[in-house]
C-alpha atoms as a PDB file:
ATOM      1  CA  UNK A   1      -4.234 -40.398 -57.244  1.00  0.00           C
ATOM      2  CA  UNK A   2      -5.530 -37.759 -59.619  1.00  0.00           C
ATOM      3  CA  UNK A   3      -3.245 -37.747 -62.744  1.00  0.00           C
ATOM      4  CA  UNK A   4      -2.973 -35.102 -65.464  1.00  0.00           C
ATOM      5  CA  UNK A   5      -1.871 -36.125 -68.915  1.00  0.00           C
ATOM      6  CA  UNK A   6      -1.163 -34.167 -72.082  1.00  0.00           C
ATOM      7  CA  UNK A   7      -1.378 -35.390 -75.715  1.00  0.00           C
ATOM      8  CA  UNK A   8      -0.452 -33.746 -79.074  1.00  0.00           C
ATOM      9  CA  UNK A   9      -3.188 -32.058 -81.150  1.00  0.00           C
ATOM     10  CA  UNK A  10      -3.948 -34.582 -83.901  1.00  0.00           C
ATOM     11  CA  UNK A  11      -5.026 -31.815 -86.249  1.00  0.00           C
ATOM     12  CA  UNK A  12      -1.280 -30.964 -86.782  1.00  0.00           C
ATOM     13  CA  UNK A  13       0.156 -34.131 -87.991  1.00  0.00           C
ATOM     14  CA  UNK A  14       3.889 -34.179 -89.022  1.00  0.00           C
ATOM     15  CA  UNK A  15       4.601 -33.961 -92.689  1.00  0.00           C
ATOM     16  CA  UNK A  16       6.489 -36.579 -94.601  1.00  0.00           C
ATOM     17  CA  UNK A  17       9.612 -34.448 -94.610  1.00  0.00           C
ATOM     18  CA  UNK A  18       9.341 -34.223 -90.844  1.00  0.00           C
ATOM     19  CA  UNK A  19       9.033 -38.033 -90.570  1.00  0.00           C
ATOM     20  CA  UNK A  20      12.168 -38.447 -92.757  1.00  0.00           C
ATOM     21  CA  UNK A  21      14.180 -36.087 -90.643  1.00  0.00           C
ATOM     22  CA  UNK A  22      13.279 -37.924 -87.476  1.00  0.00           C
ATOM     23  CA  UNK A  23      16.114 -40.197 -86.534  1.00  0.00           C
ATOM     24  CA  UNK A  24      14.285 -41.843 -83.528  1.00  0.00           C
ATOM     25  CA  UNK A  25      13.036 -45.270 -84.064  1.00  0.00           C
ATOM     26  CA  UNK A  26       9.673 -44.468 -82.554  1.00  0.00           C
ATOM     27  CA  UNK A  27       7.418 -41.505 -82.585  1.00  0.00           C
ATOM     28  CA  UNK A  28       6.726 -39.441 -79.440  1.00  0.00           C
ATOM     29  CA  UNK A  29       4.394 -40.923 -76.845  1.00  0.00           C
ATOM     30  CA  UNK A  30       0.613 -40.503 -77.447  1.00  0.00           C
ATOM     31  CA  UNK A  31       0.263 -39.221 -73.962  1.00  0.00           C
ATOM     32  CA  UNK A  32       2.611 -37.875 -71.316  1.00  0.00           C
ATOM     33  CA  UNK A  33       2.033 -37.805 -67.638  1.00  0.00           C
ATOM     34  CA  UNK A  34       2.654 -34.150 -66.473  1.00  0.00           C
ATOM     35  CA  UNK A  35       1.273 -33.897 -62.995  1.00  0.00           C
ATOM     36  CA  UNK A  36      -0.299 -35.972 -60.196  1.00  0.00           C
ATOM     37  CA  UNK A  37      -1.706 -35.412 -56.763  1.00  0.00           C
ATOM     38  CA  UNK A  38      -2.958 -37.582 -53.835  1.00  0.00           C
ATOM     39  CA  UNK A  39      -6.756 -38.072 -53.973  1.00  0.00           C
ATOM     40  CA  UNK A  40      -8.829 -39.120 -50.777  1.00  0.00           C
ATOM     41  CA  UNK A  41     -10.735 -42.108 -51.804  1.00  0.00           C
ATOM     42  CA  UNK A  42     -11.363 -43.743 -55.202  1.00  0.00           C
ATOM     43  CA  UNK A  43     -12.260 -41.323 -57.936  1.00  0.00           C
ATOM     44  CA  UNK A  44     -15.756 -42.077 -59.126  1.00  0.00           C
ATOM     45  CA  UNK A  45     -16.307 -39.259 -61.613  1.00  0.00           C
ATOM     46  CA  UNK A  46     -14.293 -36.249 -63.013  1.00  0.00           C
ATOM     47  CA  UNK A  47     -15.671 -33.009 -64.533  1.00  0.00           C
ATOM     48  CA  UNK A  48     -13.657 -30.036 -66.031  1.00  0.00           C
ATOM     49  CA  UNK A  49     -15.774 -26.940 -65.289  1.00  0.00           C
ATOM     50  CA  UNK A  50     -12.943 -24.721 -66.741  1.00  0.00           C
ATOM     51  CA  UNK A  51      -9.555 -25.233 -68.517  1.00  0.00           C
ATOM     52  CA  UNK A  52      -7.795 -24.714 -65.260  1.00  0.00           C
ATOM     53  CA  UNK A  53     -10.193 -26.561 -62.942  1.00  0.00           C
ATOM     54  CA  UNK A  54     -10.909 -30.307 -62.370  1.00  0.00           C
ATOM     55  CA  UNK A  55     -13.565 -31.486 -60.032  1.00  0.00           C
ATOM     56  CA  UNK A  56     -13.971 -35.021 -58.656  1.00  0.00           C
ATOM     57  CA  UNK A  57     -16.463 -37.233 -56.994  1.00  0.00           C
ATOM     58  CA  UNK A  58     -14.958 -39.534 -54.171  1.00  0.00           C
ATOM     59  CA  UNK A  59     -15.842 -42.872 -52.691  1.00  0.00           C
ATOM     60  CA  UNK A  60     -15.666 -40.906 -49.332  1.00  0.00           C
ATOM     61  CA  UNK A  61     -18.751 -38.921 -50.494  1.00  0.00           C
ATOM     62  CA  UNK A  62     -16.746 -35.727 -51.192  1.00  0.00           C
ATOM     63  CA  UNK A  63     -16.709 -33.227 -54.039  1.00  0.00           C
ATOM     64  CA  UNK A  64     -13.227 -31.848 -54.513  1.00  0.00           C
ATOM     65  CA  UNK A  65     -11.959 -28.939 -56.757  1.00  0.00           C
ATOM     66  CA  UNK A  66      -8.438 -28.952 -58.002  1.00  0.00           C
ATOM     67  CA  UNK A  67      -6.530 -26.206 -59.746  1.00  0.00           C
ATOM     68  CA  UNK A  68      -4.309 -26.854 -62.789  1.00  0.00           C
ATOM     69  CA  UNK A  69      -1.362 -24.557 -62.660  1.00  0.00           C
ATOM     70  CA  UNK A  70       2.382 -24.303 -63.174  1.00  0.00           C
ATOM     71  CA  UNK A  71       5.347 -24.476 -60.814  1.00  0.00           C
ATOM     72  CA  UNK A  72       8.185 -21.986 -60.800  1.00  0.00           C
ATOM     73  CA  UNK A  73      10.104 -24.180 -63.187  1.00  0.00           C
ATOM     74  CA  UNK A  74       7.215 -24.124 -65.654  1.00  0.00           C
ATOM     75  CA  UNK A  75       5.989 -27.736 -64.959  1.00  0.00           C
ATOM     76  CA  UNK A  76       2.286 -28.400 -64.782  1.00  0.00           C
ATOM     77  CA  UNK A  77       0.816 -28.912 -61.359  1.00  0.00           C
ATOM     78  CA  UNK A  78      -2.414 -30.117 -59.610  1.00  0.00           C
ATOM     79  CA  UNK A  79      -3.313 -28.679 -56.299  1.00  0.00           C
ATOM     80  CA  UNK A  80      -6.407 -29.117 -54.069  1.00  0.00           C
ATOM     81  CA  UNK A  81      -8.399 -25.999 -53.721  1.00  0.00           C
ATOM     82  CA  UNK A  82     -11.467 -27.037 -51.869  1.00  0.00           C
ATOM     83  CA  UNK A  83     -13.344 -30.150 -50.757  1.00  0.00           C
ATOM     84  CA  UNK A  84     -16.647 -30.702 -49.057  1.00  0.00           C
ATOM     85  CA  UNK A  85     -18.518 -33.812 -47.865  1.00  0.00           C
ATOM     86  CA  UNK A  86     -21.545 -33.909 -50.010  1.00  0.00           C
ATOM     87  CA  UNK A  87     -22.924 -37.445 -49.236  1.00  0.00           C
ATOM     88  CA  UNK A  88     -23.359 -39.396 -46.064  1.00  0.00           C
ATOM     89  CA  UNK A  89     -25.742 -41.864 -44.617  1.00  0.00           C
ATOM     90  CA  UNK A  90     -28.062 -41.114 -41.693  1.00  0.00           C
ATOM     91  CA  UNK A  91     -25.554 -42.698 -39.181  1.00  0.00           C
ATOM     92  CA  UNK A  92     -22.892 -40.243 -40.391  1.00  0.00           C
ATOM     93  CA  UNK A  93     -20.980 -42.875 -42.453  1.00  0.00           C
ATOM     94  CA  UNK A  94     -19.708 -41.392 -45.894  1.00  0.00           C
ATOM     95  CA  UNK A  95     -21.677 -42.540 -48.890  1.00  0.00           C
ATOM     96  CA  UNK A  96     -20.044 -42.854 -52.237  1.00  0.00           C
ATOM     97  CA  UNK A  97     -20.481 -39.824 -54.434  1.00  0.00           C
ATOM     98  CA  UNK A  98     -21.314 -41.682 -57.665  1.00  0.00           C
ATOM     99  CA  UNK A  99     -21.475 -38.874 -60.386  1.00  0.00           C
ATOM    100  CA  UNK A 100     -20.819 -35.227 -61.097  1.00  0.00           C
ATOM    101  CA  UNK A 101     -22.252 -32.768 -63.655  1.00  0.00           C
ATOM    102  CA  UNK A 102     -21.503 -29.101 -64.411  1.00  0.00           C
ATOM    103  CA  UNK A 103     -24.311 -26.673 -64.961  1.00  0.00           C
ATOM    104  CA  UNK A 104     -24.453 -25.681 -68.682  1.00  0.00           C
ATOM    105  CA  UNK A 105     -24.086 -21.988 -68.291  1.00  0.00           C
ATOM    106  CA  UNK A 106     -21.530 -19.369 -68.940  1.00  0.00           C
ATOM    107  CA  UNK A 107     -22.308 -17.607 -65.600  1.00  0.00           C
ATOM    108  CA  UNK A 108     -19.366 -17.030 -63.178  1.00  0.00           C
ATOM    109  CA  UNK A 109     -21.263 -18.752 -60.471  1.00  0.00           C
ATOM    110  CA  UNK A 110     -22.017 -21.881 -62.396  1.00  0.00           C
ATOM    111  CA  UNK A 111     -22.887 -24.803 -60.114  1.00  0.00           C
ATOM    112  CA  UNK A 112     -21.621 -28.513 -59.884  1.00  0.00           C
ATOM    113  CA  UNK A 113     -24.149 -31.200 -58.943  1.00  0.00           C
ATOM    114  CA  UNK A 114     -23.378 -34.633 -57.497  1.00  0.00           C
ATOM    115  CA  UNK A 115     -25.455 -37.580 -56.565  1.00  0.00           C
ATOM    116  CA  UNK A 116     -24.726 -40.601 -54.346  1.00  0.00           C
ATOM    117  CA  UNK A 117     -25.470 -43.849 -52.736  1.00  0.00           C
ATOM    118  CA  UNK A 118     -27.336 -42.016 -49.896  1.00  0.00           C
ATOM    119  CA  UNK A 119     -30.292 -41.185 -52.349  1.00  0.00           C
ATOM    120  CA  UNK A 120     -29.365 -37.495 -52.267  1.00  0.00           C
ATOM    121  CA  UNK A 121     -28.343 -34.849 -54.803  1.00  0.00           C
ATOM    122  CA  UNK A 122     -26.161 -32.033 -53.802  1.00  0.00           C
ATOM    123  CA  UNK A 123     -25.097 -28.934 -55.651  1.00  0.00           C
ATOM    124  CA  UNK A 124     -23.029 -25.707 -55.087  1.00  0.00           C
ATOM    125  CA  UNK A 125     -21.318 -22.886 -56.987  1.00  0.00           C
ATOM    126  CA  UNK A 126     -18.027 -24.223 -58.176  1.00  0.00           C
ATOM    127  CA  UNK A 127     -16.344 -21.237 -56.582  1.00  0.00           C
ATOM    128  CA  UNK A 128     -18.075 -21.647 -53.274  1.00  0.00           C
ATOM    129  CA  UNK A 129     -18.553 -25.171 -52.210  1.00  0.00           C
ATOM    130  CA  UNK A 130     -19.278 -24.092 -48.603  1.00  0.00           C
ATOM    131  CA  UNK A 131     -22.778 -23.029 -50.035  1.00  0.00           C
ATOM    132  CA  UNK A 132     -23.544 -26.682 -50.775  1.00  0.00           C
ATOM    133  CA  UNK A 133     -27.224 -27.670 -50.649  1.00  0.00           C
ATOM    134  CA  UNK A 134     -28.256 -31.347 -50.156  1.00  0.00           C
ATOM    135  CA  UNK A 135     -31.616 -32.887 -50.841  1.00  0.00           C
ATOM    136  CA  UNK A 136     -32.893 -36.426 -50.289  1.00  0.00           C
ATOM    137  CA  UNK A 137     -34.760 -37.313 -53.514  1.00  0.00           C
ATOM    138  CA  UNK A 138     -34.713 -41.096 -53.567  1.00  0.00           C
ATOM    139  CA  UNK A 139     -34.640 -44.213 -51.330  1.00  0.00           C
ATOM    140  CA  UNK A 140     -32.262 -46.059 -53.537  1.00  0.00           C
ATOM    141  CA  UNK A 141     -28.764 -45.524 -54.929  1.00  0.00           C
ATOM    142  CA  UNK A 142     -28.631 -42.570 -57.470  1.00  0.00           C
ATOM    143  CA  UNK A 143     -26.139 -43.663 -60.150  1.00  0.00           C
ATOM    144  CA  UNK A 144     -26.031 -40.490 -62.383  1.00  0.00           C
ATOM    145  CA  UNK A 145     -26.948 -36.852 -62.555  1.00  0.00           C
ATOM    146  CA  UNK A 146     -27.125 -34.297 -65.409  1.00  0.00           C
ATOM    147  CA  UNK A 147     -28.348 -30.872 -66.311  1.00  0.00           C
ATOM    148  CA  UNK A 148     -30.845 -31.004 -69.239  1.00  0.00           C
ATOM    149  CA  UNK A 149     -31.189 -27.308 -68.640  1.00  0.00           C
ATOM    150  CA  UNK A 150     -29.489 -24.757 -66.316  1.00  0.00           C
ATOM    151  CA  UNK A 151     -32.753 -24.829 -64.116  1.00  0.00           C
ATOM    152  CA  UNK A 152     -33.270 -28.496 -64.294  1.00  0.00           C
ATOM    153  CA  UNK A 153     -31.606 -31.723 -62.967  1.00  0.00           C
ATOM    154  CA  UNK A 154     -32.114 -35.310 -64.013  1.00  0.00           C
ATOM    155  CA  UNK A 155     -31.154 -38.414 -62.183  1.00  0.00           C
ATOM    156  CA  UNK A 156     -30.872 -42.086 -62.891  1.00  0.00           C
ATOM    157  CA  UNK A 157     -31.471 -44.556 -60.143  1.00  0.00           C
ATOM    158  CA  UNK A 158     -30.480 -48.134 -59.465  1.00  0.00           C
ATOM    159  CA  UNK A 159     -34.248 -48.952 -59.348  1.00  0.00           C
ATOM    160  CA  UNK A 160     -34.544 -48.172 -63.039  1.00  0.00           C
ATOM    161  CA  UNK A 161     -36.024 -44.686 -62.772  1.00  0.00           C
ATOM    162  CA  UNK A 162     -35.258 -41.350 -64.402  1.00  0.00           C
ATOM    163  CA  UNK A 163     -36.438 -38.375 -62.373  1.00  0.00           C
ATOM    164  CA  UNK A 164     -36.590 -34.643 -63.207  1.00  0.00           C
ATOM    165  CA  UNK A 165     -36.257 -31.718 -60.653  1.00  0.00           C
ATOM    166  CA  UNK A 166     -36.489 -28.069 -60.863  1.00  0.00           C
ATOM    167  CA  UNK A 167     -33.267 -26.698 -59.379  1.00  0.00           C
ATOM    168  CA  UNK A 168     -35.277 -23.987 -57.659  1.00  0.00           C
ATOM    169  CA  UNK A 169     -37.661 -26.486 -55.892  1.00  0.00           C
ATOM    170  CA  UNK A 170     -35.687 -29.819 -55.760  1.00  0.00           C
ATOM    171  CA  UNK A 171     -37.935 -31.302 -53.115  1.00  0.00           C
ATOM    172  CA  UNK A 172     -40.737 -31.693 -55.780  1.00  0.00           C
ATOM    173  CA  UNK A 173     -40.385 -34.204 -58.471  1.00  0.00           C
ATOM    174  CA  UNK A 174     -41.315 -32.899 -61.878  1.00  0.00           C
ATOM    175  CA  UNK A 175     -41.612 -36.282 -63.627  1.00  0.00           C
ATOM    176  CA  UNK A 176     -40.646 -39.921 -63.191  1.00  0.00           C
ATOM    177  CA  UNK A 177     -39.793 -42.203 -66.263  1.00  0.00           C
ATOM    178  CA  UNK A 178     -39.542 -45.987 -66.364  1.00  0.00           C
ATOM    179  CA  UNK A 179     -39.539 -48.699 -68.923  1.00  0.00           C
ATOM    180  CA  UNK A 180     -42.497 -50.817 -67.784  1.00  0.00           C
ATOM    181  CA  UNK A 181     -41.501 -53.664 -70.182  1.00  0.00           C
ATOM    182  CA  UNK A 182     -38.145 -54.318 -68.480  1.00  0.00           C
ATOM    183  CA  UNK A 183     -36.556 -54.338 -65.010  1.00  0.00           C
ATOM    184  CA  UNK A 184     -33.370 -52.417 -65.847  1.00  0.00           C
ATOM    185  CA  UNK A 185     -31.020 -50.886 -63.237  1.00  0.00           C
ATOM    186  CA  UNK A 186     -29.674 -47.582 -64.582  1.00  0.00           C
ATOM    187  CA  UNK A 187     -25.872 -47.042 -64.145  1.00  0.00           C
ATOM    188  CA  UNK A 188     -25.612 -43.596 -65.857  1.00  0.00           C
ATOM    189  CA  UNK A 189     -27.356 -40.738 -67.502  1.00  0.00           C
ATOM    190  CA  UNK A 190     -26.528 -37.917 -70.007  1.00  0.00           C
ATOM    191  CA  UNK A 191     -28.321 -34.937 -71.460  1.00  0.00           C
ATOM    192  CA  UNK A 192     -28.277 -33.833 -75.153  1.00  0.00           C
ATOM    193  CA  UNK A 193     -26.132 -30.745 -75.446  1.00  0.00           C
ATOM    194  CA  UNK A 194     -28.732 -28.753 -77.299  1.00  0.00           C
ATOM    195  CA  UNK A 195     -32.021 -30.741 -77.140  1.00  0.00           C
ATOM    196  CA  UNK A 196     -33.000 -30.698 -73.421  1.00  0.00           C
ATOM    197  CA  UNK A 197     -35.840 -33.216 -74.177  1.00  0.00           C
ATOM    198  CA  UNK A 198     -33.425 -35.920 -75.012  1.00  0.00           C
ATOM    199  CA  UNK A 199     -31.666 -38.100 -72.494  1.00  0.00           C
ATOM    200  CA  UNK A 200     -29.548 -41.186 -72.577  1.00  0.00           C
ATOM    201  CA  UNK A 201     -29.267 -43.819 -69.939  1.00  0.00           C
ATOM    202  CA  UNK A 202     -27.066 -46.958 -69.578  1.00  0.00           C
ATOM    203  CA  UNK A 203     -28.307 -50.118 -68.003  1.00  0.00           C
ATOM    204  CA  UNK A 204     -27.004 -53.144 -66.177  1.00  0.00           C
ATOM    205  CA  UNK A 205     -27.906 -55.282 -69.251  1.00  0.00           C
ATOM    206  CA  UNK A 206     -25.600 -53.498 -71.640  1.00  0.00           C
ATOM    207  CA  UNK A 207     -28.375 -51.510 -73.253  1.00  0.00           C
ATOM    208  CA  UNK A 208     -28.242 -47.783 -74.101  1.00  0.00           C
ATOM    209  CA  UNK A 209     -31.696 -46.130 -73.870  1.00  0.00           C
ATOM    210  CA  UNK A 210     -32.493 -42.977 -75.709  1.00  0.00           C
ATOM    211  CA  UNK A 211     -35.397 -40.848 -74.218  1.00  0.00           C
ATOM    212  CA  UNK A 212     -37.588 -38.288 -75.752  1.00  0.00           C
ATOM    213  CA  UNK A 213     -39.444 -36.433 -72.817  1.00  0.00           C
ATOM    214  CA  UNK A 214     -41.156 -33.644 -74.775  1.00  0.00           C
ATOM    215  CA  UNK A 215     -44.405 -35.152 -73.392  1.00  0.00           C
ATOM    216  CA  UNK A 216     -43.550 -35.929 -69.781  1.00  0.00           C
ATOM    217  CA  UNK A 217     -46.734 -37.712 -69.252  1.00  0.00           C
ATOM    218  CA  UNK A 218     -46.067 -40.005 -72.206  1.00  0.00           C
ATOM    219  CA  UNK A 219     -42.281 -40.131 -72.882  1.00  0.00           C
ATOM    220  CA  UNK A 220     -40.853 -42.326 -75.835  1.00  0.00           C
ATOM    221  CA  UNK A 221     -37.851 -44.463 -75.349  1.00  0.00           C
ATOM    222  CA  UNK A 222     -35.755 -46.531 -77.724  1.00  0.00           C
ATOM    223  CA  UNK A 223     -33.331 -49.254 -76.560  1.00  0.00           C
ATOM    224  CA  UNK A 224     -30.075 -49.971 -78.360  1.00  0.00           C
ATOM    225  CA  UNK A 225     -28.490 -53.266 -77.376  1.00  0.00           C
ATOM    226  CA  UNK A 226     -24.924 -51.956 -77.534  1.00  0.00           C
ATOM    227  CA  UNK A 227     -22.877 -53.985 -74.833  1.00  0.00           C
ATOM    228  CA  UNK A 228     -22.971 -57.331 -73.162  1.00  0.00           C
ATOM    229  CA  UNK A 229     -22.767 -56.043 -69.603  1.00  0.00           C
ATOM    230  CA  UNK A 230     -23.184 -52.996 -67.320  1.00  0.00           C
ATOM    231  CA  UNK A 231     -22.877 -49.616 -69.164  1.00  0.00           C
ATOM    232  CA  UNK A 232     -20.837 -47.521 -66.789  1.00  0.00           C
ATOM    233  CA  UNK A 233     -20.801 -44.173 -68.622  1.00  0.00           C
ATOM    234  CA  UNK A 234     -22.832 -42.712 -71.502  1.00  0.00           C
ATOM    235  CA  UNK A 235     -22.634 -39.391 -73.334  1.00  0.00           C
ATOM    236  CA  UNK A 236     -23.589 -37.555 -76.532  1.00  0.00           C
ATOM    237  CA  UNK A 237     -20.691 -36.858 -78.814  1.00  0.00           C
ATOM    238  CA  UNK A 238     -20.000 -33.032 -78.210  1.00  0.00           C
ATOM    239  CA  UNK A 239     -19.346 -32.376 -81.956  1.00  0.00           C
ATOM    240  CA  UNK A 240     -21.863 -34.865 -83.429  1.00  0.00           C
ATOM    241  CA  UNK A 241     -24.726 -35.350 -81.019  1.00  0.00           C
ATOM    242  CA  UNK A 242     -26.328 -37.795 -83.395  1.00  0.00           C
ATOM    243  CA  UNK A 243     -23.714 -40.190 -81.909  1.00  0.00           C
ATOM    244  CA  UNK A 244     -23.865 -41.671 -78.411  1.00  0.00           C
ATOM    245  CA  UNK A 245     -20.593 -42.813 -76.886  1.00  0.00           C
ATOM    246  CA  UNK A 246     -20.691 -45.557 -74.021  1.00  0.00           C
ATOM    247  CA  UNK A 247     -18.316 -47.790 -72.147  1.00  0.00           C
ATOM    248  CA  UNK A 248     -18.924 -51.018 -70.412  1.00  0.00           C
ATOM    249  CA  UNK A 249     -17.934 -53.793 -68.161  1.00  0.00           C
ATOM    250  CA  UNK A 250     -17.449 -55.948 -71.254  1.00  0.00           C
ATOM    251  CA  UNK A 251     -14.141 -54.167 -71.983  1.00  0.00           C
ATOM    252  CA  UNK A 252     -15.289 -52.053 -74.884  1.00  0.00           C
ATOM    253  CA  UNK A 253     -16.339 -48.442 -75.959  1.00  0.00           C
ATOM    254  CA  UNK A 254     -19.168 -48.125 -78.417  1.00  0.00           C
ATOM    255  CA  UNK A 255     -20.250 -45.265 -80.736  1.00  0.00           C
ATOM    256  CA  UNK A 256     -23.968 -45.547 -81.487  1.00  0.00           C
ATOM    257  CA  UNK A 257     -25.311 -43.592 -84.370  1.00  0.00           C
ATOM    258  CA  UNK A 258     -28.892 -42.597 -83.853  1.00  0.00           C
ATOM    259  CA  UNK A 259     -30.940 -40.645 -86.220  1.00  0.00           C
ATOM    260  CA  UNK A 260     -34.682 -39.859 -86.805  1.00  0.00           C
ATOM    261  CA  UNK A 261     -37.090 -42.504 -87.882  1.00  0.00           C
ATOM    262  CA  UNK A 262     -36.922 -41.256 -91.497  1.00  0.00           C
ATOM    263  CA  UNK A 263     -33.335 -42.458 -91.859  1.00  0.00           C
ATOM    264  CA  UNK A 264     -32.975 -45.637 -89.997  1.00  0.00           C
ATOM    265  CA  UNK A 265     -30.429 -46.994 -92.480  1.00  0.00           C
ATOM    266  CA  UNK A 266     -27.961 -44.646 -91.159  1.00  0.00           C
ATOM    267  CA  UNK A 267     -28.066 -46.349 -87.762  1.00  0.00           C
ATOM    268  CA  UNK A 268     -25.432 -48.499 -86.452  1.00  0.00           C
ATOM    269  CA  UNK A 269     -22.865 -49.385 -83.583  1.00  0.00           C
ATOM    270  CA  UNK A 270     -19.239 -49.095 -83.932  1.00  0.00           C
ATOM    271  CA  UNK A 271     -17.236 -50.944 -81.151  1.00  0.00           C
ATOM    272  CA  UNK A 272     -13.902 -49.766 -80.043  1.00  0.00           C
ATOM    273  CA  UNK A 273     -11.604 -52.142 -78.139  1.00  0.00           C
ATOM    274  CA  UNK A 274      -8.020 -52.761 -77.591  1.00  0.00           C
ATOM    275  CA  UNK A 275      -6.405 -56.145 -78.251  1.00  0.00           C
ATOM    276  CA  UNK A 276      -4.574 -56.124 -74.923  1.00  0.00           C
ATOM    277  CA  UNK A 277      -7.496 -54.734 -72.874  1.00  0.00           C
ATOM    278  CA  UNK A 278      -9.804 -57.464 -71.443  1.00  0.00           C
ATOM    279  CA  UNK A 279     -11.006 -55.619 -68.405  1.00  0.00           C
ATOM    280  CA  UNK A 280     -13.851 -53.157 -67.830  1.00  0.00           C
ATOM    281  CA  UNK A 281     -13.785 -49.753 -69.482  1.00  0.00           C
ATOM    282  CA  UNK A 282     -15.082 -47.477 -66.665  1.00  0.00           C
ATOM    283  CA  UNK A 283     -15.059 -43.955 -68.008  1.00  0.00           C
ATOM    284  CA  UNK A 284     -14.373 -41.902 -71.085  1.00  0.00           C
ATOM    285  CA  UNK A 285     -14.195 -38.389 -72.481  1.00  0.00           C
ATOM    286  CA  UNK A 286     -14.406 -36.925 -75.866  1.00  0.00           C
ATOM    287  CA  UNK A 287     -12.323 -33.763 -76.707  1.00  0.00           C
ATOM    288  CA  UNK A 288     -14.546 -30.925 -78.100  1.00  0.00           C
ATOM    289  CA  UNK A 289     -11.671 -28.712 -79.158  1.00  0.00           C
ATOM    290  CA  UNK A 290     -10.184 -30.441 -82.128  1.00  0.00           C
ATOM    291  CA  UNK A 291     -11.432 -31.173 -85.688  1.00  0.00           C
ATOM    292  CA  UNK A 292     -10.138 -34.702 -85.221  1.00  0.00           C
ATOM    293  CA  UNK A 293     -12.312 -36.653 -82.675  1.00  0.00           C
ATOM    294  CA  UNK A 294     -10.302 -37.744 -79.613  1.00  0.00           C
ATOM    295  CA  UNK A 295     -11.950 -40.371 -77.313  1.00  0.00           C
ATOM    296  CA  UNK A 296      -9.919 -41.196 -74.242  1.00  0.00           C
ATOM    297  CA  UNK A 297     -11.037 -43.935 -71.831  1.00  0.00           C
ATOM    298  CA  UNK A 298      -9.690 -45.515 -68.673  1.00  0.00           C
ATOM    299  CA  UNK A 299     -10.033 -49.288 -67.852  1.00  0.00           C
ATOM    300  CA  UNK A 300      -9.501 -51.639 -64.947  1.00  0.00           C
ATOM    301  CA  UNK A 301      -6.288 -52.744 -66.622  1.00  0.00           C
ATOM    302  CA  UNK A 302      -4.580 -49.524 -65.700  1.00  0.00           C
ATOM    303  CA  UNK A 303      -4.237 -48.478 -69.295  1.00  0.00           C
ATOM    304  CA  UNK A 304      -5.527 -45.316 -71.140  1.00  0.00           C
ATOM    305  CA  UNK A 305      -7.343 -46.157 -74.306  1.00  0.00           C
ATOM    306  CA  UNK A 306      -7.204 -43.566 -77.065  1.00  0.00           C
ATOM    307  CA  UNK A 307      -8.888 -43.277 -80.423  1.00  0.00           C
ATOM    308  CA  UNK A 308      -7.998 -40.464 -82.719  1.00  0.00           C
ATOM    309  CA  UNK A 309      -9.612 -41.343 -86.033  1.00  0.00           C
ATOM    310  CA  UNK A 310     -12.781 -43.017 -87.148  1.00  0.00           C
ATOM    311  CA  UNK A 311     -11.115 -46.135 -88.451  1.00  0.00           C
ATOM    312  CA  UNK A 312      -8.307 -46.551 -86.064  1.00  0.00           C
ATOM    313  CA  UNK A 313      -8.047 -49.014 -83.227  1.00  0.00           C
ATOM    314  CA  UNK A 314      -6.965 -48.080 -79.716  1.00  0.00           C
ATOM    315  CA  UNK A 315      -3.498 -47.237 -78.813  1.00  0.00           C
ATOM    316  CA  UNK A 316      -2.567 -48.681 -75.323  1.00  0.00           C
ATOM    317  CA  UNK A 317       0.315 -47.558 -73.231  1.00  0.00           C
END
């Protein structure tokens, strides 16, 4: 299933008078389920290209686009608009679509890209999935894809490589980056929102790697030993890109503060975990629209984990 939740804006907290006038023994729920819809296959990634659109990557190798709308009674709704098979093996069997990424552009024909276990990347305009293009770019599993620039795609592979491609000539690899001192498997990748030369990757060992690829022939890389097991998702914080958020098989989220070499004392890692959650945290997102940072994650326990302030622990429900 694909499930839609809503939560109150934490920027508008109730006043003390409001709390005194509240006769209920408990406050309103931190999140409320407002809509759900059947989804073919496991959901391996979710992206929100627009406020009323949700895109998913499926274990059946499909990219699906869902509309968020309202019923005649005013309730929220989710409805499948379009789906296309983006990934399959040479024998025709579906290959898992492992990751999605939305092109960073305000253009009406913005594209969505996916990658899969078939070693291919695929992309199409969000409004025209029937124009999907597929390109085989690796012989191993591609675990993550992102857009450092509107004309450039980056992928991470299970073989521990980062590859760059020009969207206009995807058959040609622009650059390949590896860490020669380690044999990592990369599980995910993310691009800095404003510095296209910075990438972050998560590894099977629990490390988060920060790349500077200004010199493609001699990139620099710094490793942060953040987690104790596979890093399933990584991303730069949308309102403070000096922070990298990651989640892991070790049942935790982490916020890693990275800064320039001139200010190393500001560095550090803050782990976020819920007392009742002991299973893998598989995915997260950070709300970019509120002054209060909201980090929401999903785990194998079936719980949503939410952090609304810098010092709070997770609320589980």
